[in-house]
């Protein structure tokens, strides 16, 4: 990228050439929002999958434990732990 002269995102470059102020910040916000949305969706799906598998008897029953608002807290904690381990790897 140094030989090609690419030092910034092509989107940021185009927005700067169009005269849009704060183009880099706008793109960073969009990318960060997309990452957070994808992480939230994945966390929800994996939590419900653990709960469902446990409810069907394919995983230990402690994954079916929910709090007073019917949130499967044990499955959520294990999903978060798996996400953190995946992030670190």
PDB file of N, CA and C in Angstrom:
ATOM      1  N   UNK A   1       0.810  -1.195   0.000  1.00  0.00           N
ATOM      2  CA  UNK A   1       0.000   0.000   0.000  1.00  0.00           C
ATOM      3  C   UNK A   1       0.852   1.258   0.000  1.00  0.00           C
ATOM      4  N   UNK A   2       2.069   1.189   0.530  1.00  0.00           N
ATOM      5  CA  UNK A   2       2.925   2.382   0.539  1.00  0.00           C
ATOM      6  C   UNK A   2       3.427   2.707  -0.862  1.00  0.00           C
ATOM      7  N   UNK A   3       3.731   1.688  -1.645  1.00  0.00           N
ATOM      8  CA  UNK A   3       4.197   1.914  -3.003  1.00  0.00           C
ATOM      9  C   UNK A   3       3.070   2.420  -3.895  1.00  0.00           C
ATOM     10  N   UNK A   4       1.857   1.974  -3.623  1.00  0.00           N
ATOM     11  CA  UNK A   4       0.723   2.399  -4.440  1.00  0.00           C
ATOM     12  C   UNK A   4       0.201   3.764  -4.014  1.00  0.00           C
ATOM     13  N   UNK A   5       0.644   4.249  -2.868  1.00  0.00           N
ATOM     14  CA  UNK A   5       0.196   5.542  -2.385  1.00  0.00           C
ATOM     15  C   UNK A   5      -1.158   5.502  -1.691  1.00  0.00           C
ATOM     16  N   UNK A   6      -1.574   4.326  -1.279  1.00  0.00           N
ATOM     17  CA  UNK A   6      -2.854   4.188  -0.592  1.00  0.00           C
ATOM     18  C   UNK A   6      -2.607   4.331   0.907  1.00  0.00           C
ATOM     19  N   UNK A   7      -2.999   5.469   1.443  1.00  0.00           N
ATOM     20  CA  UNK A   7      -2.785   5.709   2.868  1.00  0.00           C
ATOM     21  C   UNK A   7      -4.086   5.870   3.636  1.00  0.00           C
ATOM     22  N   UNK A   8      -5.213   5.843   2.932  1.00  0.00           N
ATOM     23  CA  UNK A   8      -6.510   5.972   3.587  1.00  0.00           C
ATOM     24  C   UNK A   8      -7.544   5.157   2.821  1.00  0.00           C
ATOM     25  N   UNK A   9      -8.690   5.013   3.417  1.00  0.00           N
ATOM     26  CA  UNK A   9      -9.769   4.269   2.794  1.00  0.00           C
ATOM     27  C   UNK A   9     -10.195   4.940   1.491  1.00  0.00           C
ATOM     28  N   UNK A  10     -10.527   4.161   0.469  1.00  0.00           N
ATOM     29  CA  UNK A  10     -10.992   4.761  -0.778  1.00  0.00           C
ATOM     30  C   UNK A  10     -12.277   5.570  -0.580  1.00  0.00           C
ATOM     31  N   UNK A  11     -13.127   5.138   0.339  1.00  0.00           N
ATOM     32  CA  UNK A  11     -14.359   5.883   0.613  1.00  0.00           C
ATOM     33  C   UNK A  11     -14.039   7.249   1.202  1.00  0.00           C
ATOM     34  N   UNK A  12     -13.106   7.270   2.157  1.00  0.00           N
ATOM     35  CA  UNK A  12     -12.714   8.544   2.770  1.00  0.00           C
ATOM     36  C   UNK A  12     -12.106   9.462   1.720  1.00  0.00           C
ATOM     37  N   UNK A  13     -11.294   8.894   0.858  1.00  0.00           N
ATOM     38  CA  UNK A  13     -10.661   9.690  -0.198  1.00  0.00           C
ATOM     39  C   UNK A  13     -11.703  10.321  -1.125  1.00  0.00           C
ATOM     40  N   UNK A  14     -12.687   9.514  -1.547  1.00  0.00           N
ATOM     41  CA  UNK A  14     -13.731  10.028  -2.438  1.00  0.00           C
ATOM     42  C   UNK A  14     -14.548  11.111  -1.743  1.00  0.00           C
ATOM     43  N   UNK A  15     -14.913  10.885  -0.486  1.00  0.00           N
ATOM     44  CA  UNK A  15     -15.686  11.884   0.241  1.00  0.00           C
ATOM     45  C   UNK A  15     -14.911  13.178   0.423  1.00  0.00           C
ATOM     46  N   UNK A  16     -13.603  13.063   0.662  1.00  0.00           N
ATOM     47  CA  UNK A  16     -12.782  14.280   0.792  1.00  0.00           C
ATOM     48  C   UNK A  16     -12.714  15.024  -0.534  1.00  0.00           C
ATOM     49  N   UNK A  17     -12.601  14.280  -1.633  1.00  0.00           N
ATOM     50  CA  UNK A  17     -12.545  14.910  -2.947  1.00  0.00           C
ATOM     51  C   UNK A  17     -13.883  15.587  -3.283  1.00  0.00           C
ATOM     52  N   UNK A  18     -14.987  15.074  -2.750  1.00  0.00           N
ATOM     53  CA  UNK A  18     -16.293  15.670  -2.961  1.00  0.00           C
ATOM     54  C   UNK A  18     -16.518  16.875  -2.054  1.00  0.00           C
ATOM     55  N   UNK A  19     -15.625  17.064  -1.109  1.00  0.00           N
ATOM     56  CA  UNK A  19     -15.736  18.206  -0.212  1.00  0.00           C
ATOM     57  C   UNK A  19     -16.580  17.971   1.022  1.00  0.00           C
ATOM     58  N   UNK A  20     -16.813  16.716   1.365  1.00  0.00           N
ATOM     59  CA  UNK A  20     -17.590  16.407   2.561  1.00  0.00           C
ATOM     60  C   UNK A  20     -16.660  16.490   3.776  1.00  0.00           C
ATOM     61  N   UNK A  21     -16.960  17.394   4.718  1.00  0.00           N
ATOM     62  CA  UNK A  21     -16.106  17.504   5.888  1.00  0.00           C
ATOM     63  C   UNK A  21     -16.283  16.308   6.834  1.00  0.00           C
ATOM     64  N   UNK A  22     -15.268  15.987   7.566  1.00  0.00           N
ATOM     65  CA  UNK A  22     -15.265  14.889   8.537  1.00  0.00           C
ATOM     66  C   UNK A  22     -15.557  13.541   7.903  1.00  0.00           C
ATOM     67  N   UNK A  23     -15.096  13.331   6.687  1.00  0.00           N
ATOM     68  CA  UNK A  23     -15.375  12.087   5.965  1.00  0.00           C
ATOM     69  C   UNK A  23     -14.814  10.873   6.701  1.00  0.00           C
ATOM     70  N   UNK A  24     -13.622  10.991   7.230  1.00  0.00           N
ATOM     71  CA  UNK A  24     -13.014   9.876   7.965  1.00  0.00           C
ATOM     72  C   UNK A  24     -13.812   9.518   9.201  1.00  0.00           C
ATOM     73  N   UNK A  25     -14.260  10.530   9.920  1.00  0.00           N
ATOM     74  CA  UNK A  25     -15.050  10.286  11.124  1.00  0.00           C
ATOM     75  C   UNK A  25     -16.398   9.653  10.795  1.00  0.00           C
ATOM     76  N   UNK A  26     -17.004  10.094   9.712  1.00  0.00           N
ATOM     77  CA  UNK A  26     -18.291   9.526   9.301  1.00  0.00           C
ATOM     78  C   UNK A  26     -18.126   8.050   8.951  1.00  0.00           C
ATOM     79  N   UNK A  27     -17.093   7.725   8.194  1.00  0.00           N
ATOM     80  CA  UNK A  27     -16.870   6.328   7.810  1.00  0.00           C
ATOM     81  C   UNK A  27     -16.523   5.471   9.022  1.00  0.00           C
ATOM     82  N   UNK A  28     -15.724   5.997   9.941  1.00  0.00           N
ATOM     83  CA  UNK A  28     -15.402   5.247  11.156  1.00  0.00           C
ATOM     84  C   UNK A  28     -16.658   4.964  11.972  1.00  0.00           C
ATOM     85  N   UNK A  29     -17.566   5.927  12.041  1.00  0.00           N
ATOM     86  CA  UNK A  29     -18.823   5.729  12.758  1.00  0.00           C
ATOM     87  C   UNK A  29     -19.665   4.643  12.095  1.00  0.00           C
ATOM     88  N   UNK A  30     -19.728   4.661  10.778  1.00  0.00           N
ATOM     89  CA  UNK A  30     -20.510   3.661  10.048  1.00  0.00           C
ATOM     90  C   UNK A  30     -19.928   2.266  10.264  1.00  0.00           C
ATOM     91  N   UNK A  31     -18.621   2.143  10.167  1.00  0.00           N
ATOM     92  CA  UNK A  31     -17.967   0.838  10.341  1.00  0.00           C
ATOM     93  C   UNK A  31     -18.144   0.341  11.772  1.00  0.00           C
ATOM     94  N   UNK A  32     -17.955   1.216  12.748  1.00  0.00           N
ATOM     95  CA  UNK A  32     -18.113   0.831  14.142  1.00  0.00           C
ATOM     96  C   UNK A  32     -19.553   0.418  14.440  1.00  0.00           C
ATOM     97  N   UNK A  33     -20.519   1.126  13.891  1.00  0.00           N
ATOM     98  CA  UNK A  33     -21.930   0.767  14.077  1.00  0.00           C
ATOM     99  C   UNK A  33     -22.220  -0.607  13.485  1.00  0.00           C
ATOM    100  N   UNK A  34     -21.668  -0.888  12.323  1.00  0.00           N
ATOM    101  CA  UNK A  34     -21.879  -2.192  11.682  1.00  0.00           C
ATOM    102  C   UNK A  34     -21.243  -3.313  12.507  1.00  0.00           C
ATOM    103  N   UNK A  35     -20.068  -3.071  13.057  1.00  0.00           N
ATOM    104  CA  UNK A  35     -19.390  -4.087  13.882  1.00  0.00           C
ATOM    105  C   UNK A  35     -20.190  -4.374  15.141  1.00  0.00           C
ATOM    106  N   UNK A  36     -20.664  -3.321  15.804  1.00  0.00           N
ATOM    107  CA  UNK A  36     -21.446  -3.509  17.028  1.00  0.00           C
ATOM    108  C   UNK A  36     -22.754  -4.237  16.719  1.00  0.00           C
ATOM    109  N   UNK A  37     -23.388  -3.898  15.620  1.00  0.00           N
ATOM    110  CA  UNK A  37     -24.627  -4.559  15.233  1.00  0.00           C
ATOM    111  C   UNK A  37     -24.403  -6.042  14.951  1.00  0.00           C
ATOM    112  N   UNK A  38     -23.345  -6.365  14.240  1.00  0.00           N
ATOM    113  CA  UNK A  38     -23.042  -7.766  13.939  1.00  0.00           C
ATOM    114  C   UNK A  38     -22.708  -8.547  15.211  1.00  0.00           C
ATOM    115  N   UNK A  39     -21.966  -7.922  16.116  1.00  0.00           N
ATOM    116  CA  UNK A  39     -21.626  -8.581  17.379  1.00  0.00           C
ATOM    117  C   UNK A  39     -22.884  -8.829  18.211  1.00  0.00           C
ATOM    118  N   UNK A  40     -23.782  -7.866  18.255  1.00  0.00           N
ATOM    119  CA  UNK A  40     -25.028  -8.024  19.001  1.00  0.00           C
ATOM    120  C   UNK A  40     -25.880  -9.143  18.413  1.00  0.00           C
ATOM    121  N   UNK A  41     -25.973  -9.200  17.114  1.00  0.00           N
ATOM    122  CA  UNK A  41     -26.745 -10.248  16.452  1.00  0.00           C
ATOM    123  C   UNK A  41     -26.152 -11.628  16.726  1.00  0.00           C
ATOM    124  N   UNK A  42     -24.847 -11.737  16.634  1.00  0.00           N
ATOM    125  CA  UNK A  42     -24.180 -13.006  16.899  1.00  0.00           C
ATOM    126  C   UNK A  42     -24.328 -13.452  18.340  1.00  0.00           C
ATOM    127  N   UNK A  43     -24.250 -12.510  19.267  1.00  0.00           N
ATOM    128  CA  UNK A  43     -24.415 -12.827  20.683  1.00  0.00           C
ATOM    129  C   UNK A  43     -25.828 -13.324  20.953  1.00  0.00           C
ATOM    130  N   UNK A  44     -26.815 -12.656  20.382  1.00  0.00           N
ATOM    131  CA  UNK A  44     -28.205 -13.086  20.551  1.00  0.00           C
ATOM    132  C   UNK A  44     -28.407 -14.494  19.983  1.00  0.00           C
ATOM    133  N   UNK A  45     -27.920 -14.729  18.772  1.00  0.00           N
ATOM    134  CA  UNK A  45     -28.114 -16.025  18.118  1.00  0.00           C
ATOM    135  C   UNK A  45     -27.425 -17.148  18.889  1.00  0.00           C
ATOM    136  N   UNK A  46     -26.206 -16.925  19.331  1.00  0.00           N
ATOM    137  CA  UNK A  46     -25.495 -17.993  20.042  1.00  0.00           C
ATOM    138  C   UNK A  46     -26.111 -18.253  21.412  1.00  0.00           C
ATOM    139  N   UNK A  47     -26.593 -17.196  22.088  1.00  0.00           N
ATOM    140  CA  UNK A  47     -27.256 -17.383  23.375  1.00  0.00           C
ATOM    141  C   UNK A  47     -28.521 -18.213  23.213  1.00  0.00           C
ATOM    142  N   UNK A  48     -29.340 -17.858  22.238  1.00  0.00           N
ATOM    143  CA  UNK A  48     -30.584 -18.603  22.024  1.00  0.00           C
ATOM    144  C   UNK A  48     -30.312 -20.020  21.538  1.00  0.00           C
ATOM    145  N   UNK A  49     -29.232 -20.227  20.790  1.00  0.00           N
ATOM    146  CA  UNK A  49     -28.890 -21.576  20.337  1.00  0.00           C
ATOM    147  C   UNK A  49     -28.491 -22.448  21.523  1.00  0.00           C
ATOM    148  N   UNK A  50     -27.664 -21.909  22.432  1.00  0.00           N
ATOM    149  CA  UNK A  50     -27.293 -22.671  23.627  1.00  0.00           C
ATOM    150  C   UNK A  50     -28.526 -23.002  24.455  1.00  0.00           C
ATOM    151  N   UNK A  51     -29.404 -22.024  24.639  1.00  0.00           N
ATOM    152  CA  UNK A  51     -30.616 -22.249  25.425  1.00  0.00           C
ATOM    153  C   UNK A  51     -31.496 -23.320  24.770  1.00  0.00           C
ATOM    154  N   UNK A  52     -31.665 -23.216  23.455  1.00  0.00           N
ATOM    155  CA  UNK A  52     -32.512 -24.152  22.735  1.00  0.00           C
ATOM    156  C   UNK A  52     -31.950 -25.574  22.790  1.00  0.00           C
ATOM    157  N   UNK A  53     -30.656 -25.721  22.575  1.00  0.00           N
ATOM    158  CA  UNK A  53     -30.042 -27.050  22.632  1.00  0.00           C
ATOM    159  C   UNK A  53     -30.153 -27.645  24.028  1.00  0.00           C
ATOM    160  N   UNK A  54     -30.014 -26.804  25.046  1.00  0.00           N
ATOM    161  CA  UNK A  54     -30.156 -27.276  26.413  1.00  0.00           C
ATOM    162  C   UNK A  54     -31.604 -27.646  26.713  1.00  0.00           C
ATOM    163  N   UNK A  55     -32.524 -26.866  26.191  1.00  0.00           N
ATOM    164  CA  UNK A  55     -33.946 -27.134  26.393  1.00  0.00           C
ATOM    165  C   UNK A  55     -34.362 -28.451  25.732  1.00  0.00           C
ATOM    166  N   UNK A  56     -33.706 -28.809  24.637  1.00  0.00           N
ATOM    167  CA  UNK A  56     -33.986 -30.069  23.937  1.00  0.00           C
ATOM    168  C   UNK A  56     -33.238 -31.254  24.543  1.00  0.00           C
ATOM    169  N   UNK A  57     -32.382 -30.995  25.531  1.00  0.00           N
ATOM    170  CA  UNK A  57     -31.651 -32.075  26.189  1.00  0.00           C
ATOM    171  C   UNK A  57     -30.328 -32.428  25.549  1.00  0.00           C
ATOM    172  N   UNK A  58     -29.852 -31.628  24.603  1.00  0.00           N
ATOM    173  CA  UNK A  58     -28.587 -31.915  23.927  1.00  0.00           C
ATOM    174  C   UNK A  58     -27.390 -31.301  24.652  1.00  0.00           C
ATOM    175  N   UNK A  59     -27.640 -30.378  25.555  1.00  0.00           N
ATOM    176  CA  UNK A  59     -26.611 -29.755  26.393  1.00  0.00           C
ATOM    177  C   UNK A  59     -27.073 -29.853  27.839  1.00  0.00           C
ATOM    178  N   UNK A  60     -26.160 -29.651  28.795  1.00  0.00           N
ATOM    179  CA  UNK A  60     -26.573 -29.686  30.205  1.00  0.00           C
ATOM    180  C   UNK A  60     -27.689 -28.686  30.505  1.00  0.00           C
ATOM    181  N   UNK A  61     -28.548 -29.056  31.457  1.00  0.00           N
ATOM    182  CA  UNK A  61     -29.743 -28.266  31.767  1.00  0.00           C
ATOM    183  C   UNK A  61     -29.436 -26.890  32.361  1.00  0.00           C
ATOM    184  N   UNK A  62     -28.222 -26.659  32.880  1.00  0.00           N
ATOM    185  CA  UNK A  62     -27.962 -25.347  33.499  1.00  0.00           C
ATOM    186  C   UNK A  62     -27.953 -24.210  32.482  1.00  0.00           C
ATOM    187  N   UNK A  63     -27.863 -24.522  31.197  1.00  0.00           N
ATOM    188  CA  UNK A  63     -27.950 -23.478  30.170  1.00  0.00           C
ATOM    189  C   UNK A  63     -29.373 -22.941  30.018  1.00  0.00           C
ATOM    190  N   UNK A  64     -30.374 -23.666  30.526  1.00  0.00           N
ATOM    191  CA  UNK A  64     -31.757 -23.209  30.413  1.00  0.00           C
ATOM    192  C   UNK A  64     -32.163 -22.251  31.522  1.00  0.00           C
ATOM    193  N   UNK A  65     -31.298 -22.036  32.501  1.00  0.00           N
ATOM    194  CA  UNK A  65     -31.651 -21.139  33.613  1.00  0.00           C
ATOM    195  C   UNK A  65     -31.812 -19.706  33.107  1.00  0.00           C
ATOM    196  N   UNK A  66     -32.929 -19.107  33.507  1.00  0.00           N
ATOM    197  CA  UNK A  66     -33.211 -17.730  33.107  1.00  0.00           C
ATOM    198  C   UNK A  66     -33.435 -16.877  34.357  1.00  0.00           C
ATOM    199  N   UNK A  67     -33.320 -15.562  34.169  1.00  0.00           N
ATOM    200  CA  UNK A  67     -33.605 -14.658  35.275  1.00  0.00           C
ATOM    201  C   UNK A  67     -35.088 -14.307  35.277  1.00  0.00           C
ATOM    202  N   UNK A  68     -35.508 -13.369  36.124  1.00  0.00           N
ATOM    203  CA  UNK A  68     -36.936 -13.038  36.235  1.00  0.00           C
ATOM    204  C   UNK A  68     -37.487 -12.397  34.969  1.00  0.00           C
ATOM    205  N   UNK A  69     -36.613 -11.886  34.082  1.00  0.00           N
ATOM    206  CA  UNK A  69     -37.050 -11.296  32.816  1.00  0.00           C
ATOM    207  C   UNK A  69     -36.928 -12.279  31.653  1.00  0.00           C
ATOM    208  N   UNK A  70     -36.747 -13.552  31.972  1.00  0.00           N
ATOM    209  CA  UNK A  70     -36.644 -14.651  30.990  1.00  0.00           C
ATOM    210  C   UNK A  70     -35.429 -14.536  30.089  1.00  0.00           C
ATOM    211  N   UNK A  71     -34.348 -13.970  30.601  1.00  0.00           N
ATOM    212  CA  UNK A  71     -33.084 -13.899  29.860  1.00  0.00           C
ATOM    213  C   UNK A  71     -32.220 -15.081  30.280  1.00  0.00           C
ATOM    214  N   UNK A  72     -31.787 -15.907  29.344  1.00  0.00           N
ATOM    215  CA  UNK A  72     -30.951 -17.057  29.699  1.00  0.00           C
ATOM    216  C   UNK A  72     -29.530 -16.603  30.068  1.00  0.00           C
ATOM    217  N   UNK A  73     -29.350 -16.247  31.323  1.00  0.00           N
ATOM    218  CA  UNK A  73     -28.109 -15.623  31.766  1.00  0.00           C
ATOM    219  C   UNK A  73     -26.890 -16.538  31.667  1.00  0.00           C
ATOM    220  N   UNK A  74     -27.055 -17.807  31.965  1.00  0.00           N
ATOM    221  CA  UNK A  74     -25.915 -18.735  31.875  1.00  0.00           C
ATOM    222  C   UNK A  74     -25.480 -18.889  30.421  1.00  0.00           C
ATOM    223  N   UNK A  75     -26.436 -19.072  29.534  1.00  0.00           N
ATOM    224  CA  UNK A  75     -26.113 -19.189  28.109  1.00  0.00           C
ATOM    225  C   UNK A  75     -25.496 -17.888  27.591  1.00  0.00           C
ATOM    226  N   UNK A  76     -26.002 -16.757  28.066  1.00  0.00           N
ATOM    227  CA  UNK A  76     -25.447 -15.462  27.669  1.00  0.00           C
ATOM    228  C   UNK A  76     -24.004 -15.320  28.127  1.00  0.00           C
ATOM    229  N   UNK A  77     -23.718 -15.712  29.367  1.00  0.00           N
ATOM    230  CA  UNK A  77     -22.350 -15.614  29.890  1.00  0.00           C
ATOM    231  C   UNK A  77     -21.392 -16.502  29.092  1.00  0.00           C
ATOM    232  N   UNK A  78     -21.831 -17.707  28.770  1.00  0.00           N
ATOM    233  CA  UNK A  78     -20.964 -18.598  27.988  1.00  0.00           C
ATOM    234  C   UNK A  78     -20.789 -18.086  26.555  1.00  0.00           C
ATOM    235  N   UNK A  79     -21.819 -17.489  25.995  1.00  0.00           N
ATOM    236  CA  UNK A  79     -21.699 -16.912  24.651  1.00  0.00           C
ATOM    237  C   UNK A  79     -20.723 -15.744  24.650  1.00  0.00           C
ATOM    238  N   UNK A  80     -20.811 -14.914  25.685  1.00  0.00           N
ATOM    239  CA  UNK A  80     -19.880 -13.785  25.794  1.00  0.00           C
ATOM    240  C   UNK A  80     -18.451 -14.270  25.978  1.00  0.00           C
ATOM    241  N   UNK A  81     -18.263 -15.307  26.792  1.00  0.00           N
ATOM    242  CA  UNK A  81     -16.934 -15.866  26.992  1.00  0.00           C
ATOM    243  C   UNK A  81     -16.370 -16.406  25.674  1.00  0.00           C
ATOM    244  N   UNK A  82     -17.211 -17.113  24.910  1.00  0.00           N
ATOM    245  CA  UNK A  82     -16.779 -17.604  23.597  1.00  0.00           C
ATOM    246  C   UNK A  82     -16.428 -16.478  22.642  1.00  0.00           C
ATOM    247  N   UNK A  83     -17.214 -15.391  22.682  1.00  0.00           N
ATOM    248  CA  UNK A  83     -16.921 -14.233  21.839  1.00  0.00           C
ATOM    249  C   UNK A  83     -15.613 -13.565  22.198  1.00  0.00           C
ATOM    250  N   UNK A  84     -15.359 -13.455  23.492  1.00  0.00           N
ATOM    251  CA  UNK A  84     -14.102 -12.852  23.948  1.00  0.00           C
ATOM    252  C   UNK A  84     -12.916 -13.705  23.533  1.00  0.00           C
ATOM    253  N   UNK A  85     -13.049 -15.023  23.702  1.00  0.00           N
ATOM    254  CA  UNK A  85     -11.961 -15.926  23.290  1.00  0.00           C
ATOM    255  C   UNK A  85     -11.728 -15.864  21.780  1.00  0.00           C
ATOM    256  N   UNK A  86     -12.801 -15.771  21.011  1.00  0.00           N
ATOM    257  CA  UNK A  86     -12.660 -15.648  19.556  1.00  0.00           C
ATOM    258  C   UNK A  86     -11.984 -14.324  19.194  1.00  0.00           C
ATOM    259  N   UNK A  87     -12.332 -13.271  19.894  1.00  0.00           N
ATOM    260  CA  UNK A  87     -11.717 -11.963  19.643  1.00  0.00           C
ATOM    261  C   UNK A  87     -10.224 -11.999  19.951  1.00  0.00           C
ATOM    262  N   UNK A  88      -9.861 -12.636  21.045  1.00  0.00           N
ATOM    263  CA  UNK A  88      -8.446 -12.697  21.424  1.00  0.00           C
ATOM    264  C   UNK A  88      -7.624 -13.580  20.501  1.00  0.00           C
ATOM    265  N   UNK A  89      -8.281 -14.568  19.895  1.00  0.00           N
ATOM    266  CA  UNK A  89      -7.522 -15.460  19.018  1.00  0.00           C
ATOM    267  C   UNK A  89      -7.218 -14.773  17.711  1.00  0.00           C
TER     268      UNK A  89
END
